[in-house]
Amino acid sequence: MKERIIERLEQLGYLYTIGDDEFLLDYIIAEKTQYILNYCNISTIPTELEYVLINLVCADFFQTKKVTGKDVGIDTNGVKQIKEGDITIQYADTSSNFDILLAKLNDTSELKRFRRIKW
């Protein structure tokens, strides 16, 4: 699972380093795994929820990096407007692009299908 999460982080543009990021990633994997298990009242994570876990871990990883002031390393600059006459290029606000990415990664709506009522 950890290898797939590292692949996802790299797919999103983050350069994972074993020494610096390993403890944080291990902690977040354990935390988000326990969150899903507790929320759904299940003992193991089904394969259908592995992508949800991967995205939740990536989102929390990026949020933790950003809050602690460390470089997230993701280029979130997007072009907001291009004007051809007299050439104007306006870039979008980087924080809004980052927030959109985090919102997409933090989607937990699929967890409701697997939730079990505890008696």
Foldseek 3Di string as FASTA:
>chain_A
DLVVLCVVLVVQQADDDCPPCVVVLVVLLVVLQVVLCVQQVHDHDDPVCPLLSSLSSSLVSLVVCVVVPHDSRGPQWDWDDFDDVVTDTDIDDSVVSNVVSSVVSNDPPVSVVRHDDDD
